[in-house]
Amino acid sequence: MAQKGCVWRKGNGWFLKYGENVNVNGQIIRKQMCVKLADYGDRYRCEKDLDELVAEKMAGVRQALKCPHSSDSFVNYVEQVYLPFVLRTMKASTYSGYSTYWKRYIEPRVRKYALRDFTVAIVASLLKDIAAMHKLNTDTLTKIRSVLSGIFTYAMSEGHFPARSAADNPASRARIPESGTESTRTVAAAFEEVQGYLRALQVMPLERAAVGILAFYWRQAR
């Protein structure tokens, strides 16, 4: 018989206790979990008022039981499962880019989460935190979201993340925060600037040649 969870009120909050499989050092064990469902108030005055919230949460718990990897630490999953997949199947430059975004922006902020914990709200909050801390432009934030979306797309396709369709990918539906600055338009260097670069690189022949070739092709393309 499927568990229904136990609801109770404590102070100004309503809480739900239920059993869940958790990955501890590579072993799946059963643990008692407790989450806050809602604040006590006009909308939620008695236990019956929380029926929909309980049903939604427990449906997610039951779905997660079908995905053993969903209880994995998100950090462990990305570093031990997803990034090795990227290394095996994609270009070296793609792997390098994904790894950089992961280590610099994402990994420090997701250490407390299991794979199954992620929702659209959590991803959106993560992007807001990254934007506020690093002052990134919209293009970079979009790339970070794309990396997260790729992680969940892979996990969903492998049956590791509980989802019924592509629409359940929590990253693809997360909004890019408004704090993201506009991307700066790239402006080609003027002829005088190129001459300055070439003079500065006189003792570095390979680099000087590379700059000269790029400048030549740019002028031909105009």
Protein backbone atom coordinates (compact mmCIF):
# COMPACT_ATOMS: atom_id res chain seq x y z
CA MET A 1 0.00 0.00 0.00
CA ALA A 2 1.37 3.41 -0.96
CA GLN A 3 2.31 5.61 1.93
CA LYS A 4 0.27 8.78 2.46
CA GLY A 5 2.58 10.65 4.82
CA CYS A 6 1.76 12.18 8.18
CA VAL A 7 0.63 15.81 8.46
CA TRP A 8 0.77 17.89 11.61
CA ARG A 9 0.82 21.51 12.69
CA LYS A 10 3.60 23.06 14.72
CA GLY A 11 3.39 26.73 15.62
CA ASN A 12 2.48 28.69 12.49
CA GLY A 13 3.40 25.94 10.05
CA TRP A 14 2.04 22.71 8.57
CA PHE A 15 4.52 19.85 8.14
CA LEU A 16 4.61 16.50 6.35
CA LYS A 17 6.61 13.45 7.47
CA TYR A 18 7.19 10.55 5.08
CA GLY A 19 9.68 7.81 4.23
CA GLU A 20 12.10 8.20 1.34
CA ASN A 21 15.04 6.28 -0.13
CA VAL A 22 18.31 8.20 0.26
CA ASN A 23 21.74 7.47 -1.19
CA VAL A 24 24.31 7.40 1.64
CA ASN A 25 27.87 6.57 0.59
CA GLY A 26 26.59 4.57 -2.35
CA GLN A 27 24.02 2.63 -0.31
CA ILE A 28 20.26 3.19 -0.62
CA ILE A 29 18.69 3.43 2.85
CA ARG A 30 15.22 4.34 4.05
CA LYS A 31 15.00 7.59 6.03
CA GLN A 32 12.24 9.61 7.63
CA MET A 33 11.93 12.97 5.93
CA CYS A 34 10.13 16.10 7.07
CA VAL A 35 9.16 19.12 4.97
CA LYS A 36 7.13 22.25 5.60
CA LEU A 37 4.04 22.34 3.40
CA ALA A 38 2.52 25.73 4.17
CA ASP A 39 1.97 28.45 6.75
CA TYR A 40 -1.05 28.20 9.02
CA GLY A 41 -3.70 30.78 8.05
CA ASP A 42 -7.05 31.37 6.38
CA ARG A 43 -6.12 29.19 3.38
CA TYR A 44 -4.78 26.32 5.46
CA ARG A 45 -6.70 26.11 8.74
CA CYS A 46 -7.18 22.35 9.07
CA GLU A 47 -5.42 19.21 7.87
CA LYS A 48 -7.94 18.58 5.10
CA ASP A 49 -7.06 21.94 3.52
CA LEU A 50 -3.63 20.51 2.71
CA ASP A 51 -4.87 17.48 0.76
CA GLU A 52 -3.74 18.82 -2.62
CA LEU A 53 -0.28 19.79 -1.34
CA VAL A 54 0.18 16.40 0.28
CA ALA A 55 -0.98 14.57 -2.85
CA GLU A 56 1.43 16.56 -5.04
CA LYS A 57 4.39 15.93 -2.74
CA MET A 58 3.69 12.24 -2.28
CA ALA A 59 3.18 11.74 -6.02
CA GLY A 60 6.71 13.08 -6.48
CA VAL A 61 8.04 10.75 -3.78
CA ARG A 62 6.41 7.72 -5.41
CA GLN A 63 7.72 8.75 -8.83
CA ALA A 64 11.23 9.10 -7.39
CA LEU A 65 11.09 5.49 -6.16
CA LYS A 66 11.10 4.45 -9.82
CA CYS A 67 14.38 6.35 -10.36
CA PRO A 68 17.09 4.95 -8.05
CA HIS A 69 19.65 7.58 -9.12
CA SER A 70 17.27 10.40 -8.21
CA SER A 71 18.46 10.16 -4.61
CA ASP A 72 22.10 10.75 -5.65
CA SER A 73 23.84 13.91 -4.58
CA PHE A 74 23.50 16.37 -7.47
CA VAL A 75 27.23 17.14 -7.33
CA ASN A 76 28.16 13.44 -7.43
CA TYR A 77 25.73 12.79 -10.26
CA VAL A 78 27.11 15.57 -12.45
CA GLU A 79 30.76 14.79 -11.77
CA GLN A 80 30.55 11.00 -11.83
CA VAL A 81 27.82 10.40 -14.42
CA TYR A 82 26.98 13.42 -16.58
CA LEU A 83 30.36 15.06 -17.23
CA PRO A 84 31.99 11.70 -18.10
CA PHE A 85 29.15 11.24 -20.61
CA VAL A 86 29.93 14.66 -22.13
CA LEU A 87 33.63 13.77 -22.28
CA ARG A 88 32.87 10.51 -24.12
CA THR A 89 30.34 11.83 -26.61
CA MET A 90 31.03 15.51 -27.29
CA LYS A 91 33.88 17.71 -28.48
CA ALA A 92 36.74 18.46 -26.11
CA SER A 93 35.87 22.17 -26.31
CA THR A 94 32.26 21.43 -25.27
CA TYR A 95 33.43 19.38 -22.30
CA SER A 96 35.84 22.14 -21.28
CA GLY A 97 33.10 24.79 -21.46
CA TYR A 98 30.59 22.72 -19.50
CA SER A 99 33.18 21.89 -16.85
CA THR A 100 34.13 25.55 -16.48
CA TYR A 101 30.54 26.72 -16.04
CA TRP A 102 29.89 23.86 -13.63
CA LYS A 103 32.89 24.50 -11.39
CA ARG A 104 32.79 28.30 -11.45
CA TYR A 105 29.08 29.04 -11.18
CA ILE A 106 26.94 25.99 -10.39
CA GLU A 107 28.76 23.47 -8.17
CA PRO A 108 29.45 25.82 -5.21
CA ARG A 109 25.70 26.52 -4.91
CA VAL A 110 24.16 23.05 -5.24
CA ARG A 111 26.07 20.91 -2.74
CA LYS A 112 23.07 20.48 -0.45
CA TYR A 113 20.74 19.11 -3.13
CA ALA A 114 19.94 15.62 -4.37
CA LEU A 115 19.14 15.19 -8.06
CA ARG A 116 15.41 14.79 -7.39
CA ASP A 117 15.22 17.98 -5.29
CA PHE A 118 15.32 20.34 -8.26
CA THR A 119 12.30 22.35 -9.30
CA VAL A 120 11.81 25.32 -11.63
CA ALA A 121 11.86 27.61 -8.57
CA ILE A 122 15.17 26.20 -7.32
CA VAL A 123 16.85 26.63 -10.72
CA ALA A 124 15.47 30.17 -11.05
CA SER A 125 16.76 31.04 -7.57
CA LEU A 126 20.15 29.57 -8.47
CA LEU A 127 20.37 31.73 -11.59
CA LYS A 128 19.42 34.84 -9.60
CA ASP A 129 22.16 34.12 -7.07
CA ILE A 130 24.74 33.63 -9.82
CA ALA A 131 23.70 36.85 -11.56
CA ALA A 132 23.88 38.85 -8.34
CA MET A 133 27.27 37.48 -7.33
CA HIS A 134 29.07 37.60 -10.69
CA LYS A 135 27.29 40.43 -12.58
CA LEU A 136 27.00 38.30 -15.71
CA ASN A 137 25.33 39.28 -18.95
CA THR A 138 22.19 37.59 -20.26
CA ASP A 139 24.07 35.45 -22.79
CA THR A 140 26.28 33.91 -20.11
CA LEU A 141 23.32 33.24 -17.82
CA THR A 142 21.52 31.59 -20.73
CA LYS A 143 24.55 29.32 -21.29
CA ILE A 144 24.57 28.37 -17.61
CA ARG A 145 20.89 27.50 -17.81
CA SER A 146 21.61 25.44 -20.94
CA VAL A 147 24.23 23.44 -19.05
CA LEU A 148 21.70 22.72 -16.29
CA SER A 149 19.05 21.85 -18.87
CA GLY A 150 21.47 19.41 -20.51
CA ILE A 151 22.09 17.70 -17.17
CA PHE A 152 18.37 17.17 -16.57
CA THR A 153 17.67 16.16 -20.19
CA TYR A 154 20.29 13.42 -19.84
CA ALA A 155 19.01 12.34 -16.40
CA MET A 156 15.43 12.18 -17.71
CA SER A 157 16.42 10.15 -20.78
CA GLU A 158 18.27 7.65 -18.57
CA GLY A 159 15.40 7.33 -16.11
CA HIS A 160 17.42 8.97 -13.32
CA PHE A 161 15.23 12.04 -12.82
CA PRO A 162 11.47 11.65 -12.19
CA ALA A 163 9.67 13.29 -15.10
CA ARG A 164 6.77 12.48 -17.39
CA SER A 165 7.82 14.59 -20.39
CA ALA A 166 10.39 17.11 -21.61
CA ALA A 167 8.19 19.84 -20.13
CA ASP A 168 9.23 18.61 -16.65
CA ASN A 169 12.84 19.72 -17.17
CA PRO A 170 13.22 22.25 -14.32
CA ALA A 171 15.99 24.22 -16.05
CA SER A 172 14.38 24.74 -19.45
CA ARG A 173 11.40 26.50 -17.83
CA ALA A 174 13.41 28.66 -15.39
CA ARG A 175 13.41 32.36 -16.29
CA ILE A 176 16.66 34.24 -16.84
CA PRO A 177 16.86 36.88 -14.08
CA GLU A 178 16.37 40.53 -14.99
CA SER A 179 19.60 41.42 -13.20
CA GLY A 180 21.54 39.95 -16.10
CA THR A 181 23.30 42.77 -17.93
CA GLU A 182 23.00 43.21 -21.66
CA SER A 183 25.66 41.58 -23.80
CA THR A 184 28.33 43.92 -25.11
CA ARG A 185 28.46 44.18 -28.90
CA THR A 186 31.80 43.07 -30.36
CA VAL A 187 33.58 45.86 -32.26
CA ALA A 188 36.37 45.15 -34.73
CA ALA A 189 39.74 46.70 -34.00
CA ALA A 190 40.72 49.75 -36.05
CA PHE A 191 43.76 49.67 -38.36
CA GLU A 192 45.82 51.76 -35.92
CA GLU A 193 44.98 49.35 -33.08
CA VAL A 194 46.13 46.38 -35.14
CA GLN A 195 49.42 48.15 -35.89
CA GLY A 196 49.86 48.73 -32.15
CA TYR A 197 49.28 45.05 -31.41
CA LEU A 198 51.83 44.04 -34.05
CA ARG A 199 54.47 46.40 -32.63
CA ALA A 200 53.85 45.05 -29.11
CA LEU A 201 54.29 41.47 -30.34
CA GLN A 202 57.60 41.97 -32.16
CA VAL A 203 59.38 39.53 -29.83
CA MET A 204 56.57 36.97 -30.16
CA PRO A 205 56.61 35.98 -33.86
CA LEU A 206 53.92 33.29 -33.74
CA GLU A 207 51.43 35.49 -31.91
CA ARG A 208 52.29 38.44 -34.16
CA ALA A 209 51.66 36.32 -37.26
CA ALA A 210 48.30 35.14 -35.90
CA VAL A 211 47.14 38.72 -35.30
CA GLY A 212 48.33 39.76 -38.77
CA ILE A 213 46.47 36.90 -40.47
CA LEU A 214 43.25 37.61 -38.60
CA ALA A 215 43.46 41.31 -39.47
CA PHE A 216 44.10 40.48 -43.15
CA TYR A 217 41.09 38.17 -43.43
CA TRP A 218 38.87 40.67 -41.60
CA ARG A 219 39.78 43.42 -44.10
CA GLN A 220 39.14 41.04 -47.03
CA ALA A 221 35.73 40.13 -45.65
CA ARG A 222 34.57 43.75 -45.33
